[in-house]
């Protein structure tokens, strides 16, 4: 759909209806007060533009000071509402975050295999995984899933399912070749939709794959959702450990318990001769854990089969259940299940 209004040069380049209350849209706005390119804004169609989640600072037009007054008034009204009340996700018993201070340490691999391992060690448990990495969703690929979620009678999105694990990701709603260029408020709106407008029930364990770092998504989830604990994934090299410390400290500041570190790629295992090499260093995570008073939940070795399983869309817990990597993931899962029994 293409729509053009000469007064404020509003160009709607693309829109996609996801449900009765959810619309993905790409807007370009330009005029005397500047130009804004808003990609992927999430609107509440039942309430119209006024009740949408499009941040008001990006709806400027060339209509003059009267419009600016309306914007300021609307912003003040939003500020008066304050922060959302923290609450559990309906139908979900336990929520576990899998996070990292930096990218490239195997956080998503850990999240996927933790969910898989919990479903193995506690076969009566209902397990789900939420991909909260809005800018780089990888759960669809790692879980071998594609397509769009359907809607329930209550107009809630129904998670896709593979290996008996419920999965939800922004990757199911946008083209997998498109870059997601969103500002913070739109990311927060998307997180709200993925947590509150998805039919997760019934679920015993929801694993949330967080984006790397300490940004809008972490803040949004910590403010809105009652989280039972966070796992911080790191690798042994010094630069990763610096960021892992920041990640753990962030969770402490927002009163989310740090359940422990997972040291990923702790040792390289040669696929030909099985010799081991500590290519990222040795004992760095143990030192950090001791300084912070945090447990190490497991050491996952670096092996070619982990990468191959991810590329095939099959968690290694399922593709190679007797491998050393799978055993570590199941040991971590047993600790989580013991901490949060059903």
C-alpha atoms as a PDB file:
ATOM      1  CA  UNK A   1       0.000   0.000   0.000  1.00  0.00           C
ATOM      2  CA  UNK A   2       1.300   3.503  -0.896  1.00  0.00           C
ATOM      3  CA  UNK A   3      -0.364   6.615   0.493  1.00  0.00           C
ATOM      4  CA  UNK A   4       0.759  10.232   0.048  1.00  0.00           C
ATOM      5  CA  UNK A   5      -0.480  13.395   1.812  1.00  0.00           C
ATOM      6  CA  UNK A   6       0.944  16.669   0.431  1.00  0.00           C
ATOM      7  CA  UNK A   7       0.391  18.744   3.601  1.00  0.00           C
ATOM      8  CA  UNK A   8       2.895  16.842   5.716  1.00  0.00           C
ATOM      9  CA  UNK A   9       4.380  14.497   3.113  1.00  0.00           C
ATOM     10  CA  UNK A  10       3.274  11.290   4.832  1.00  0.00           C
ATOM     11  CA  UNK A  11       4.299   8.319   2.722  1.00  0.00           C
ATOM     12  CA  UNK A  12       3.188   4.878   3.894  1.00  0.00           C
ATOM     13  CA  UNK A  13       5.524   2.589   1.983  1.00  0.00           C
ATOM     14  CA  UNK A  14       4.398  -0.781   3.303  1.00  0.00           C
ATOM     15  CA  UNK A  15       1.923  -2.256   5.715  1.00  0.00           C
ATOM     16  CA  UNK A  16       1.087  -5.789   6.753  1.00  0.00           C
ATOM     17  CA  UNK A  17      -1.911  -6.857   8.833  1.00  0.00           C
ATOM     18  CA  UNK A  18      -0.906  -9.417  11.449  1.00  0.00           C
ATOM     19  CA  UNK A  19      -4.106  -9.423  13.497  1.00  0.00           C
ATOM     20  CA  UNK A  20      -7.080  -7.207  14.297  1.00  0.00           C
ATOM     21  CA  UNK A  21      -4.923  -5.158  16.662  1.00  0.00           C
ATOM     22  CA  UNK A  22      -1.475  -5.540  15.175  1.00  0.00           C
ATOM     23  CA  UNK A  23      -0.090  -3.865  12.069  1.00  0.00           C
ATOM     24  CA  UNK A  24       3.471  -3.733  10.803  1.00  0.00           C
ATOM     25  CA  UNK A  25       4.074  -0.528   8.878  1.00  0.00           C
ATOM     26  CA  UNK A  26       6.880   1.416   7.184  1.00  0.00           C
ATOM     27  CA  UNK A  27       6.373   5.200   7.127  1.00  0.00           C
ATOM     28  CA  UNK A  28       8.368   8.095   5.730  1.00  0.00           C
ATOM     29  CA  UNK A  29       7.431  11.544   7.040  1.00  0.00           C
ATOM     30  CA  UNK A  30       9.060  14.750   5.824  1.00  0.00           C
ATOM     31  CA  UNK A  31       8.304  18.458   5.885  1.00  0.00           C
ATOM     32  CA  UNK A  32       9.497  21.780   7.251  1.00  0.00           C
ATOM     33  CA  UNK A  33      10.425  20.239  10.586  1.00  0.00           C
ATOM     34  CA  UNK A  34      12.562  17.487   9.128  1.00  0.00           C
ATOM     35  CA  UNK A  35      12.293  13.953   7.817  1.00  0.00           C
ATOM     36  CA  UNK A  36      11.727  10.709   9.721  1.00  0.00           C
ATOM     37  CA  UNK A  37      11.823   7.137   8.503  1.00  0.00           C
ATOM     38  CA  UNK A  38       9.884   4.782  10.783  1.00  0.00           C
ATOM     39  CA  UNK A  39      10.207   1.113   9.917  1.00  0.00           C
ATOM     40  CA  UNK A  40       8.056  -1.587  11.452  1.00  0.00           C
ATOM     41  CA  UNK A  41       5.928   0.520  13.793  1.00  0.00           C
ATOM     42  CA  UNK A  42       3.341  -1.530  15.645  1.00  0.00           C
ATOM     43  CA  UNK A  43      -0.119   0.064  15.691  1.00  0.00           C
ATOM     44  CA  UNK A  44      -3.196  -0.848  17.679  1.00  0.00           C
ATOM     45  CA  UNK A  45      -5.628  -0.738  14.755  1.00  0.00           C
ATOM     46  CA  UNK A  46      -8.663  -0.884  17.025  1.00  0.00           C
ATOM     47  CA  UNK A  47      -7.680   2.484  18.547  1.00  0.00           C
ATOM     48  CA  UNK A  48      -6.397   4.206  15.435  1.00  0.00           C
ATOM     49  CA  UNK A  49      -3.393   6.496  15.118  1.00  0.00           C
ATOM     50  CA  UNK A  50      -4.030   8.283  18.421  1.00  0.00           C
ATOM     51  CA  UNK A  51      -3.832   5.046  20.394  1.00  0.00           C
ATOM     52  CA  UNK A  52      -0.982   3.547  18.432  1.00  0.00           C
ATOM     53  CA  UNK A  53       2.420   2.628  19.745  1.00  0.00           C
ATOM     54  CA  UNK A  54       4.130   4.939  17.258  1.00  0.00           C
ATOM     55  CA  UNK A  55       6.282   7.277  19.381  1.00  0.00           C
ATOM     56  CA  UNK A  56       4.973  10.819  19.156  1.00  0.00           C
ATOM     57  CA  UNK A  57       8.402  12.406  18.562  1.00  0.00           C
ATOM     58  CA  UNK A  58       8.404  10.769  15.110  1.00  0.00           C
ATOM     59  CA  UNK A  59       4.970  12.057  14.009  1.00  0.00           C
ATOM     60  CA  UNK A  60       6.124  15.622  13.397  1.00  0.00           C
ATOM     61  CA  UNK A  61       4.700  17.393  10.362  1.00  0.00           C
ATOM     62  CA  UNK A  62       4.805  20.806   8.725  1.00  0.00           C
ATOM     63  CA  UNK A  63       1.595  22.051  10.309  1.00  0.00           C
ATOM     64  CA  UNK A  64       3.292  24.531  12.658  1.00  0.00           C
ATOM     65  CA  UNK A  65       3.352  25.267  16.392  1.00  0.00           C
ATOM     66  CA  UNK A  66      -0.215  24.116  17.013  1.00  0.00           C
ATOM     67  CA  UNK A  67       0.802  20.592  16.154  1.00  0.00           C
ATOM     68  CA  UNK A  68       3.832  20.861  18.448  1.00  0.00           C
ATOM     69  CA  UNK A  69       1.525  21.870  21.299  1.00  0.00           C
ATOM     70  CA  UNK A  70      -0.592  18.779  20.712  1.00  0.00           C
ATOM     71  CA  UNK A  71       2.523  16.607  20.701  1.00  0.00           C
ATOM     72  CA  UNK A  72       3.744  18.082  23.992  1.00  0.00           C
ATOM     73  CA  UNK A  73       0.335  17.581  25.606  1.00  0.00           C
ATOM     74  CA  UNK A  74       0.189  13.986  24.444  1.00  0.00           C
ATOM     75  CA  UNK A  75       3.710  13.320  25.741  1.00  0.00           C
ATOM     76  CA  UNK A  76       2.779  14.738  29.133  1.00  0.00           C
ATOM     77  CA  UNK A  77      -0.270  12.484  29.275  1.00  0.00           C
ATOM     78  CA  UNK A  78       1.887   9.463  28.495  1.00  0.00           C
ATOM     79  CA  UNK A  79       4.412  10.409  31.178  1.00  0.00           C
ATOM     80  CA  UNK A  80       1.636  10.724  33.784  1.00  0.00           C
ATOM     81  CA  UNK A  81       0.714   7.100  33.234  1.00  0.00           C
ATOM     82  CA  UNK A  82       4.117   6.065  34.551  1.00  0.00           C
ATOM     83  CA  UNK A  83       5.837   2.741  34.043  1.00  0.00           C
ATOM     84  CA  UNK A  84       3.778  -0.389  33.416  1.00  0.00           C
ATOM     85  CA  UNK A  85       3.101  -2.609  36.395  1.00  0.00           C
ATOM     86  CA  UNK A  86       5.292  -5.682  36.577  1.00  0.00           C
ATOM     87  CA  UNK A  87       3.241  -8.845  36.174  1.00  0.00           C
ATOM     88  CA  UNK A  88       3.687 -12.478  35.186  1.00  0.00           C
ATOM     89  CA  UNK A  89       2.856 -13.596  31.663  1.00  0.00           C
ATOM     90  CA  UNK A  90      -0.555 -15.244  31.720  1.00  0.00           C
ATOM     91  CA  UNK A  91      -0.346 -19.025  31.768  1.00  0.00           C
ATOM     92  CA  UNK A  92       3.439 -19.114  32.318  1.00  0.00           C
ATOM     93  CA  UNK A  93       4.823 -20.476  35.588  1.00  0.00           C
ATOM     94  CA  UNK A  94       8.557 -19.650  35.352  1.00  0.00           C
ATOM     95  CA  UNK A  95      10.400 -17.131  33.162  1.00  0.00           C
ATOM     96  CA  UNK A  96      14.155 -17.531  32.675  1.00  0.00           C
ATOM     97  CA  UNK A  97      16.247 -15.017  30.746  1.00  0.00           C
ATOM     98  CA  UNK A  98      19.315 -16.108  28.782  1.00  0.00           C
ATOM     99  CA  UNK A  99      21.509 -13.061  28.266  1.00  0.00           C
ATOM    100  CA  UNK A 100      25.021 -11.973  27.377  1.00  0.00           C
ATOM    101  CA  UNK A 101      27.054  -8.814  27.715  1.00  0.00           C
ATOM    102  CA  UNK A 102      28.190  -8.972  24.086  1.00  0.00           C
ATOM    103  CA  UNK A 103      27.253 -10.737  20.882  1.00  0.00           C
ATOM    104  CA  UNK A 104      28.925 -13.815  19.452  1.00  0.00           C
ATOM    105  CA  UNK A 105      29.305 -15.795  22.667  1.00  0.00           C
ATOM    106  CA  UNK A 106      26.643 -18.418  21.908  1.00  0.00           C
ATOM    107  CA  UNK A 107      23.721 -16.958  23.824  1.00  0.00           C
ATOM    108  CA  UNK A 108      21.004 -18.052  21.389  1.00  0.00           C
ATOM    109  CA  UNK A 109      22.573 -21.496  21.049  1.00  0.00           C
ATOM    110  CA  UNK A 110      22.472 -21.791  24.824  1.00  0.00           C
ATOM    111  CA  UNK A 111      18.854 -20.598  25.008  1.00  0.00           C
ATOM    112  CA  UNK A 112      17.674 -23.083  22.373  1.00  0.00           C
ATOM    113  CA  UNK A 113      19.516 -26.027  23.887  1.00  0.00           C
ATOM    114  CA  UNK A 114      18.466 -25.111  27.425  1.00  0.00           C
ATOM    115  CA  UNK A 115      14.819 -25.187  26.353  1.00  0.00           C
ATOM    116  CA  UNK A 116      15.428 -28.494  24.587  1.00  0.00           C
ATOM    117  CA  UNK A 117      17.272 -29.936  27.574  1.00  0.00           C
ATOM    118  CA  UNK A 118      14.510 -28.973  30.016  1.00  0.00           C
ATOM    119  CA  UNK A 119      11.997 -30.762  27.794  1.00  0.00           C
ATOM    120  CA  UNK A 120      14.234 -33.857  27.943  1.00  0.00           C
ATOM    121  CA  UNK A 121      15.074 -33.957  31.655  1.00  0.00           C
ATOM    122  CA  UNK A 122      11.514 -33.007  32.661  1.00  0.00           C
ATOM    123  CA  UNK A 123       9.334 -34.643  30.036  1.00  0.00           C
ATOM    124  CA  UNK A 124       6.098 -33.606  31.722  1.00  0.00           C
ATOM    125  CA  UNK A 125       7.034 -29.918  31.458  1.00  0.00           C
ATOM    126  CA  UNK A 126       5.577 -27.557  28.875  1.00  0.00           C
ATOM    127  CA  UNK A 127       8.477 -25.498  27.538  1.00  0.00           C
ATOM    128  CA  UNK A 128       8.569 -22.416  25.325  1.00  0.00           C
ATOM    129  CA  UNK A 129      11.176 -20.034  23.967  1.00  0.00           C
ATOM    130  CA  UNK A 130      10.712 -16.353  23.153  1.00  0.00           C
ATOM    131  CA  UNK A 131      13.152 -14.651  20.820  1.00  0.00           C
ATOM    132  CA  UNK A 132      13.495 -11.148  22.286  1.00  0.00           C
ATOM    133  CA  UNK A 133      16.445 -10.273  20.063  1.00  0.00           C
ATOM    134  CA  UNK A 134      14.408  -7.963  17.834  1.00  0.00           C
ATOM    135  CA  UNK A 135      17.294  -6.758  15.663  1.00  0.00           C
ATOM    136  CA  UNK A 136      18.802 -10.204  15.087  1.00  0.00           C
ATOM    137  CA  UNK A 137      16.203 -12.956  15.566  1.00  0.00           C
ATOM    138  CA  UNK A 138      17.840 -16.372  15.205  1.00  0.00           C
ATOM    139  CA  UNK A 139      15.432 -18.731  16.975  1.00  0.00           C
ATOM    140  CA  UNK A 140      13.408 -19.508  13.809  1.00  0.00           C
ATOM    141  CA  UNK A 141      16.543 -20.793  12.057  1.00  0.00           C
ATOM    142  CA  UNK A 142      17.890 -22.667  15.068  1.00  0.00           C
ATOM    143  CA  UNK A 143      14.535 -24.344  15.738  1.00  0.00           C
ATOM    144  CA  UNK A 144      13.888 -25.201  12.089  1.00  0.00           C
ATOM    145  CA  UNK A 145      10.728 -23.092  11.886  1.00  0.00           C
ATOM    146  CA  UNK A 146       9.238 -20.738   9.322  1.00  0.00           C
ATOM    147  CA  UNK A 147       5.858 -19.247   8.512  1.00  0.00           C
ATOM    148  CA  UNK A 148       3.529 -16.941  10.399  1.00  0.00           C
ATOM    149  CA  UNK A 149       1.659 -17.589  13.657  1.00  0.00           C
ATOM    150  CA  UNK A 150      -2.089 -18.065  13.494  1.00  0.00           C
ATOM    151  CA  UNK A 151      -4.593 -16.341  15.781  1.00  0.00           C
ATOM    152  CA  UNK A 152      -6.688 -17.794  18.570  1.00  0.00           C
ATOM    153  CA  UNK A 153     -10.350 -16.942  19.165  1.00  0.00           C
ATOM    154  CA  UNK A 154      -9.137 -14.356  21.659  1.00  0.00           C
ATOM    155  CA  UNK A 155      -7.087 -12.727  18.870  1.00  0.00           C
ATOM    156  CA  UNK A 156      -3.809 -13.874  20.424  1.00  0.00           C
ATOM    157  CA  UNK A 157      -0.922 -15.120  18.328  1.00  0.00           C
ATOM    158  CA  UNK A 158      -0.375 -18.873  18.658  1.00  0.00           C
ATOM    159  CA  UNK A 159       3.324 -19.810  18.932  1.00  0.00           C
ATOM    160  CA  UNK A 160       4.839 -22.098  16.337  1.00  0.00           C
ATOM    161  CA  UNK A 161       5.921 -25.491  17.645  1.00  0.00           C
ATOM    162  CA  UNK A 162       8.797 -27.840  16.930  1.00  0.00           C
ATOM    163  CA  UNK A 163      10.243 -30.669  19.018  1.00  0.00           C
ATOM    164  CA  UNK A 164       7.353 -30.048  21.418  1.00  0.00           C
ATOM    165  CA  UNK A 165       8.661 -26.546  22.234  1.00  0.00           C
ATOM    166  CA  UNK A 166       6.530 -23.442  21.666  1.00  0.00           C
ATOM    167  CA  UNK A 167       8.426 -20.709  19.836  1.00  0.00           C
ATOM    168  CA  UNK A 168       7.705 -17.053  19.155  1.00  0.00           C
ATOM    169  CA  UNK A 169       9.905 -14.521  17.383  1.00  0.00           C
ATOM    170  CA  UNK A 170       9.622 -11.263  15.490  1.00  0.00           C
ATOM    171  CA  UNK A 171      11.334 -13.279  12.773  1.00  0.00           C
ATOM    172  CA  UNK A 172       8.008 -15.007  12.086  1.00  0.00           C
ATOM    173  CA  UNK A 173       6.367 -11.636  11.355  1.00  0.00           C
ATOM    174  CA  UNK A 174       8.890  -9.942   9.071  1.00  0.00           C
ATOM    175  CA  UNK A 175      10.754 -10.997   5.958  1.00  0.00           C
ATOM    176  CA  UNK A 176      13.917 -12.844   6.955  1.00  0.00           C
ATOM    177  CA  UNK A 177      15.956 -10.819   4.461  1.00  0.00           C
ATOM    178  CA  UNK A 178      14.791  -7.421   5.724  1.00  0.00           C
ATOM    179  CA  UNK A 179      16.789  -5.330   8.156  1.00  0.00           C
ATOM    180  CA  UNK A 180      14.827  -4.249  11.229  1.00  0.00           C
ATOM    181  CA  UNK A 181      15.645  -0.580  11.801  1.00  0.00           C
ATOM    182  CA  UNK A 182      13.646   0.426  14.860  1.00  0.00           C
ATOM    183  CA  UNK A 183      14.076   3.011  17.559  1.00  0.00           C
ATOM    184  CA  UNK A 184      13.809   2.066  21.221  1.00  0.00           C
ATOM    185  CA  UNK A 185      10.084   2.793  21.748  1.00  0.00           C
ATOM    186  CA  UNK A 186       9.135   0.534  18.849  1.00  0.00           C
ATOM    187  CA  UNK A 187      11.321  -2.265  20.208  1.00  0.00           C
ATOM    188  CA  UNK A 188       9.607  -1.927  23.582  1.00  0.00           C
ATOM    189  CA  UNK A 189       6.212  -2.048  21.882  1.00  0.00           C
ATOM    190  CA  UNK A 190       7.213  -5.198  20.015  1.00  0.00           C
ATOM    191  CA  UNK A 191       8.360  -6.849  23.244  1.00  0.00           C
ATOM    192  CA  UNK A 192       5.015  -6.018  24.832  1.00  0.00           C
ATOM    193  CA  UNK A 193       3.182  -7.619  21.908  1.00  0.00           C
ATOM    194  CA  UNK A 194       5.345 -10.764  21.992  1.00  0.00           C
ATOM    195  CA  UNK A 195       4.831 -11.276  25.706  1.00  0.00           C
ATOM    196  CA  UNK A 196       1.257 -10.100  26.290  1.00  0.00           C
ATOM    197  CA  UNK A 197      -0.452 -10.851  22.981  1.00  0.00           C
ATOM    198  CA  UNK A 198       0.729 -14.430  22.510  1.00  0.00           C
ATOM    199  CA  UNK A 199      -1.193 -17.479  23.716  1.00  0.00           C
ATOM    200  CA  UNK A 200       1.604 -19.087  25.752  1.00  0.00           C
ATOM    201  CA  UNK A 201      -0.690 -20.960  28.145  1.00  0.00           C
ATOM    202  CA  UNK A 202      -0.129 -23.521  29.505  1.00  0.00           C
ATOM    203  CA  UNK A 203       3.622 -23.225  29.976  1.00  0.00           C
ATOM    204  CA  UNK A 204       5.875 -24.305  32.831  1.00  0.00           C
ATOM    205  CA  UNK A 205       9.130 -22.772  31.599  1.00  0.00           C
ATOM    206  CA  UNK A 206       9.522 -19.843  29.208  1.00  0.00           C
ATOM    207  CA  UNK A 207      13.109 -19.268  28.114  1.00  0.00           C
ATOM    208  CA  UNK A 208      13.630 -15.738  26.780  1.00  0.00           C
ATOM    209  CA  UNK A 209      16.569 -15.273  24.428  1.00  0.00           C
ATOM    210  CA  UNK A 210      17.654 -11.706  25.137  1.00  0.00           C
ATOM    211  CA  UNK A 211      19.601  -9.422  22.798  1.00  0.00           C
ATOM    212  CA  UNK A 212      23.243  -8.832  23.751  1.00  0.00           C
ATOM    213  CA  UNK A 213      24.142  -5.888  25.940  1.00  0.00           C
ATOM    214  CA  UNK A 214      22.103  -3.776  28.343  1.00  0.00           C
ATOM    215  CA  UNK A 215      19.551  -1.769  26.403  1.00  0.00           C
ATOM    216  CA  UNK A 216      15.875  -1.081  25.788  1.00  0.00           C
ATOM    217  CA  UNK A 217      14.764  -4.712  25.645  1.00  0.00           C
ATOM    218  CA  UNK A 218      16.394  -5.577  28.958  1.00  0.00           C
ATOM    219  CA  UNK A 219      14.856  -2.513  30.583  1.00  0.00           C
ATOM    220  CA  UNK A 220      11.418  -3.146  29.091  1.00  0.00           C
ATOM    221  CA  UNK A 221      11.262  -6.774  30.199  1.00  0.00           C
ATOM    222  CA  UNK A 222      12.597  -6.009  33.677  1.00  0.00           C
ATOM    223  CA  UNK A 223       9.904  -3.326  34.107  1.00  0.00           C
ATOM    224  CA  UNK A 224       6.967  -5.270  32.689  1.00  0.00           C
ATOM    225  CA  UNK A 225       7.544  -8.952  33.378  1.00  0.00           C
ATOM    226  CA  UNK A 226       8.013 -10.863  36.610  1.00  0.00           C
ATOM    227  CA  UNK A 227      11.234 -12.758  35.834  1.00  0.00           C
ATOM    228  CA  UNK A 228      12.398 -15.652  38.011  1.00  0.00           C
ATOM    229  CA  UNK A 229      16.055 -15.443  37.084  1.00  0.00           C
ATOM    230  CA  UNK A 230      18.707 -14.726  34.468  1.00  0.00           C
ATOM    231  CA  UNK A 231      21.527 -16.817  33.048  1.00  0.00           C
ATOM    232  CA  UNK A 232      24.514 -14.903  31.666  1.00  0.00           C
ATOM    233  CA  UNK A 233      26.432 -16.581  28.836  1.00  0.00           C
ATOM    234  CA  UNK A 234      30.074 -15.716  28.286  1.00  0.00           C
ATOM    235  CA  UNK A 235      33.281 -17.023  26.801  1.00  0.00           C
ATOM    236  CA  UNK A 236      36.573 -17.162  28.711  1.00  0.00           C
ATOM    237  CA  UNK A 237      38.421 -14.264  27.037  1.00  0.00           C
ATOM    238  CA  UNK A 238      38.892 -11.057  28.987  1.00  0.00           C
ATOM    239  CA  UNK A 239      36.807  -8.746  26.771  1.00  0.00           C
ATOM    240  CA  UNK A 240      33.790 -11.062  26.979  1.00  0.00           C
ATOM    241  CA  UNK A 241      34.147 -11.329  30.745  1.00  0.00           C
ATOM    242  CA  UNK A 242      34.124  -7.534  31.118  1.00  0.00           C
ATOM    243  CA  UNK A 243      30.775  -7.397  29.336  1.00  0.00           C
ATOM    244  CA  UNK A 244      29.476 -10.420  31.242  1.00  0.00           C
ATOM    245  CA  UNK A 245      30.151  -8.566  34.488  1.00  0.00           C
ATOM    246  CA  UNK A 246      28.199  -5.557  33.216  1.00  0.00           C
ATOM    247  CA  UNK A 247      25.304  -7.799  32.228  1.00  0.00           C
ATOM    248  CA  UNK A 248      25.183  -9.489  35.619  1.00  0.00           C
ATOM    249  CA  UNK A 249      25.389  -6.148  37.428  1.00  0.00           C
ATOM    250  CA  UNK A 250      22.533  -4.800  35.316  1.00  0.00           C
ATOM    251  CA  UNK A 251      20.258  -7.656  36.374  1.00  0.00           C
ATOM    252  CA  UNK A 252      21.130  -7.065  40.003  1.00  0.00           C
ATOM    253  CA  UNK A 253      20.233  -3.396  39.672  1.00  0.00           C
ATOM    254  CA  UNK A 254      16.764  -4.265  38.348  1.00  0.00           C
ATOM    255  CA  UNK A 255      16.283  -6.947  41.035  1.00  0.00           C
ATOM    256  CA  UNK A 256      16.413  -9.979  38.737  1.00  0.00           C
ATOM    257  CA  UNK A 257      18.297 -12.887  40.367  1.00  0.00           C
ATOM    258  CA  UNK A 258      21.419 -14.000  38.496  1.00  0.00           C
ATOM    259  CA  UNK A 259      21.178 -17.788  38.459  1.00  0.00           C
ATOM    260  CA  UNK A 260      24.712 -18.236  37.174  1.00  0.00           C
ATOM    261  CA  UNK A 261      27.156 -18.039  34.302  1.00  0.00           C
ATOM    262  CA  UNK A 262      27.380 -20.458  31.410  1.00  0.00           C
ATOM    263  CA  UNK A 263      30.925 -20.578  30.073  1.00  0.00           C
ATOM    264  CA  UNK A 264      30.524 -21.297  26.378  1.00  0.00           C
ATOM    265  CA  UNK A 265      33.359 -22.389  24.059  1.00  0.00           C
ATOM    266  CA  UNK A 266      35.338 -23.200  27.192  1.00  0.00           C
ATOM    267  CA  UNK A 267      37.689 -25.502  25.301  1.00  0.00           C
ATOM    268  CA  UNK A 268      38.100 -26.377  21.629  1.00  0.00           C
ATOM    269  CA  UNK A 269      37.720 -30.057  20.816  1.00  0.00           C
ATOM    270  CA  UNK A 270      39.366 -31.131  17.560  1.00  0.00           C
ATOM    271  CA  UNK A 271      36.812 -33.078  15.480  1.00  0.00           C
ATOM    272  CA  UNK A 272      39.590 -35.290  14.057  1.00  0.00           C
ATOM    273  CA  UNK A 273      41.765 -36.261  17.015  1.00  0.00           C
ATOM    274  CA  UNK A 274      39.638 -35.018  19.971  1.00  0.00           C
ATOM    275  CA  UNK A 275      42.566 -33.062  21.410  1.00  0.00           C
ATOM    276  CA  UNK A 276      41.607 -30.002  23.449  1.00  0.00           C
ATOM    277  CA  UNK A 277      42.874 -26.415  23.323  1.00  0.00           C
ATOM    278  CA  UNK A 278      41.836 -23.440  25.467  1.00  0.00           C
ATOM    279  CA  UNK A 279      41.837 -20.996  22.553  1.00  0.00           C
ATOM    280  CA  UNK A 280      39.857 -18.316  24.450  1.00  0.00           C
ATOM    281  CA  UNK A 281      41.747 -18.624  27.710  1.00  0.00           C
ATOM    282  CA  UNK A 282      41.287 -20.670  30.862  1.00  0.00           C
ATOM    283  CA  UNK A 283      39.643 -20.081  34.257  1.00  0.00           C
ATOM    284  CA  UNK A 284      38.610 -16.500  33.513  1.00  0.00           C
ATOM    285  CA  UNK A 285      34.929 -17.194  34.101  1.00  0.00           C
ATOM    286  CA  UNK A 286      35.700 -19.027  37.333  1.00  0.00           C
ATOM    287  CA  UNK A 287      37.555 -15.978  38.638  1.00  0.00           C
ATOM    288  CA  UNK A 288      34.694 -13.645  37.690  1.00  0.00           C
ATOM    289  CA  UNK A 289      32.115 -15.947  39.261  1.00  0.00           C
ATOM    290  CA  UNK A 290      34.082 -16.067  42.505  1.00  0.00           C
ATOM    291  CA  UNK A 291      34.426 -12.280  42.631  1.00  0.00           C
ATOM    292  CA  UNK A 292      30.689 -11.768  42.075  1.00  0.00           C
ATOM    293  CA  UNK A 293      29.481 -14.665  44.193  1.00  0.00           C
ATOM    294  CA  UNK A 294      27.748 -16.255  41.210  1.00  0.00           C
ATOM    295  CA  UNK A 295      27.680 -19.939  40.276  1.00  0.00           C
ATOM    296  CA  UNK A 296      28.973 -21.415  37.040  1.00  0.00           C
ATOM    297  CA  UNK A 297      26.121 -23.546  35.772  1.00  0.00           C
ATOM    298  CA  UNK A 298      28.157 -25.331  33.116  1.00  0.00           C
ATOM    299  CA  UNK A 299      31.135 -25.321  30.758  1.00  0.00           C
ATOM    300  CA  UNK A 300      30.164 -25.994  27.142  1.00  0.00           C
ATOM    301  CA  UNK A 301      33.056 -27.068  24.880  1.00  0.00           C
ATOM    302  CA  UNK A 302      33.485 -25.664  21.374  1.00  0.00           C
ATOM    303  CA  UNK A 303      32.817 -28.364  18.799  1.00  0.00           C
ATOM    304  CA  UNK A 304      31.940 -28.380  15.118  1.00  0.00           C
ATOM    305  CA  UNK A 305      28.763 -30.362  15.772  1.00  0.00           C
ATOM    306  CA  UNK A 306      27.219 -27.473  17.727  1.00  0.00           C
ATOM    307  CA  UNK A 307      27.461 -25.186  14.714  1.00  0.00           C
ATOM    308  CA  UNK A 308      26.232 -27.877  12.343  1.00  0.00           C
ATOM    309  CA  UNK A 309      23.186 -28.586  14.503  1.00  0.00           C
ATOM    310  CA  UNK A 310      22.280 -24.892  14.659  1.00  0.00           C
ATOM    311  CA  UNK A 311      22.531 -24.554  10.884  1.00  0.00           C
ATOM    312  CA  UNK A 312      20.323 -27.630  10.426  1.00  0.00           C
ATOM    313  CA  UNK A 313      17.666 -26.242  12.755  1.00  0.00           C
ATOM    314  CA  UNK A 314      18.002 -29.077  15.274  1.00  0.00           C
ATOM    315  CA  UNK A 315      19.262 -28.390  18.818  1.00  0.00           C
ATOM    316  CA  UNK A 316      22.282 -30.566  19.562  1.00  0.00           C
ATOM    317  CA  UNK A 317      20.434 -31.951  22.581  1.00  0.00           C
ATOM    318  CA  UNK A 318      18.235 -33.727  20.022  1.00  0.00           C
ATOM    319  CA  UNK A 319      20.695 -34.308  17.159  1.00  0.00           C
ATOM    320  CA  UNK A 320      23.525 -35.718  19.316  1.00  0.00           C
ATOM    321  CA  UNK A 321      21.995 -36.515  22.714  1.00  0.00           C
ATOM    322  CA  UNK A 322      25.077 -38.375  24.007  1.00  0.00           C
ATOM    323  CA  UNK A 323      27.641 -35.739  23.042  1.00  0.00           C
ATOM    324  CA  UNK A 324      29.623 -33.890  25.748  1.00  0.00           C
ATOM    325  CA  UNK A 325      27.865 -30.659  24.760  1.00  0.00           C
ATOM    326  CA  UNK A 326      24.419 -32.205  25.192  1.00  0.00           C
ATOM    327  CA  UNK A 327      25.364 -33.610  28.578  1.00  0.00           C
ATOM    328  CA  UNK A 328      26.384 -30.139  29.780  1.00  0.00           C
ATOM    329  CA  UNK A 329      23.110 -28.594  28.605  1.00  0.00           C
ATOM    330  CA  UNK A 330      21.150 -31.314  30.387  1.00  0.00           C
ATOM    331  CA  UNK A 331      23.161 -30.760  33.570  1.00  0.00           C
ATOM    332  CA  UNK A 332      22.275 -27.062  33.411  1.00  0.00           C
ATOM    333  CA  UNK A 333      18.625 -27.946  32.794  1.00  0.00           C
ATOM    334  CA  UNK A 334      18.587 -30.214  35.845  1.00  0.00           C
ATOM    335  CA  UNK A 335      19.823 -27.317  37.993  1.00  0.00           C
ATOM    336  CA  UNK A 336      17.092 -25.030  36.640  1.00  0.00           C
ATOM    337  CA  UNK A 337      14.373 -27.631  37.176  1.00  0.00           C
ATOM    338  CA  UNK A 338      15.600 -28.245  40.726  1.00  0.00           C
ATOM    339  CA  UNK A 339      15.564 -24.499  41.448  1.00  0.00           C
ATOM    340  CA  UNK A 340      12.096 -24.064  39.948  1.00  0.00           C
ATOM    341  CA  UNK A 341      10.113 -27.287  40.436  1.00  0.00           C
ATOM    342  CA  UNK A 342       6.691 -27.978  38.951  1.00  0.00           C
END
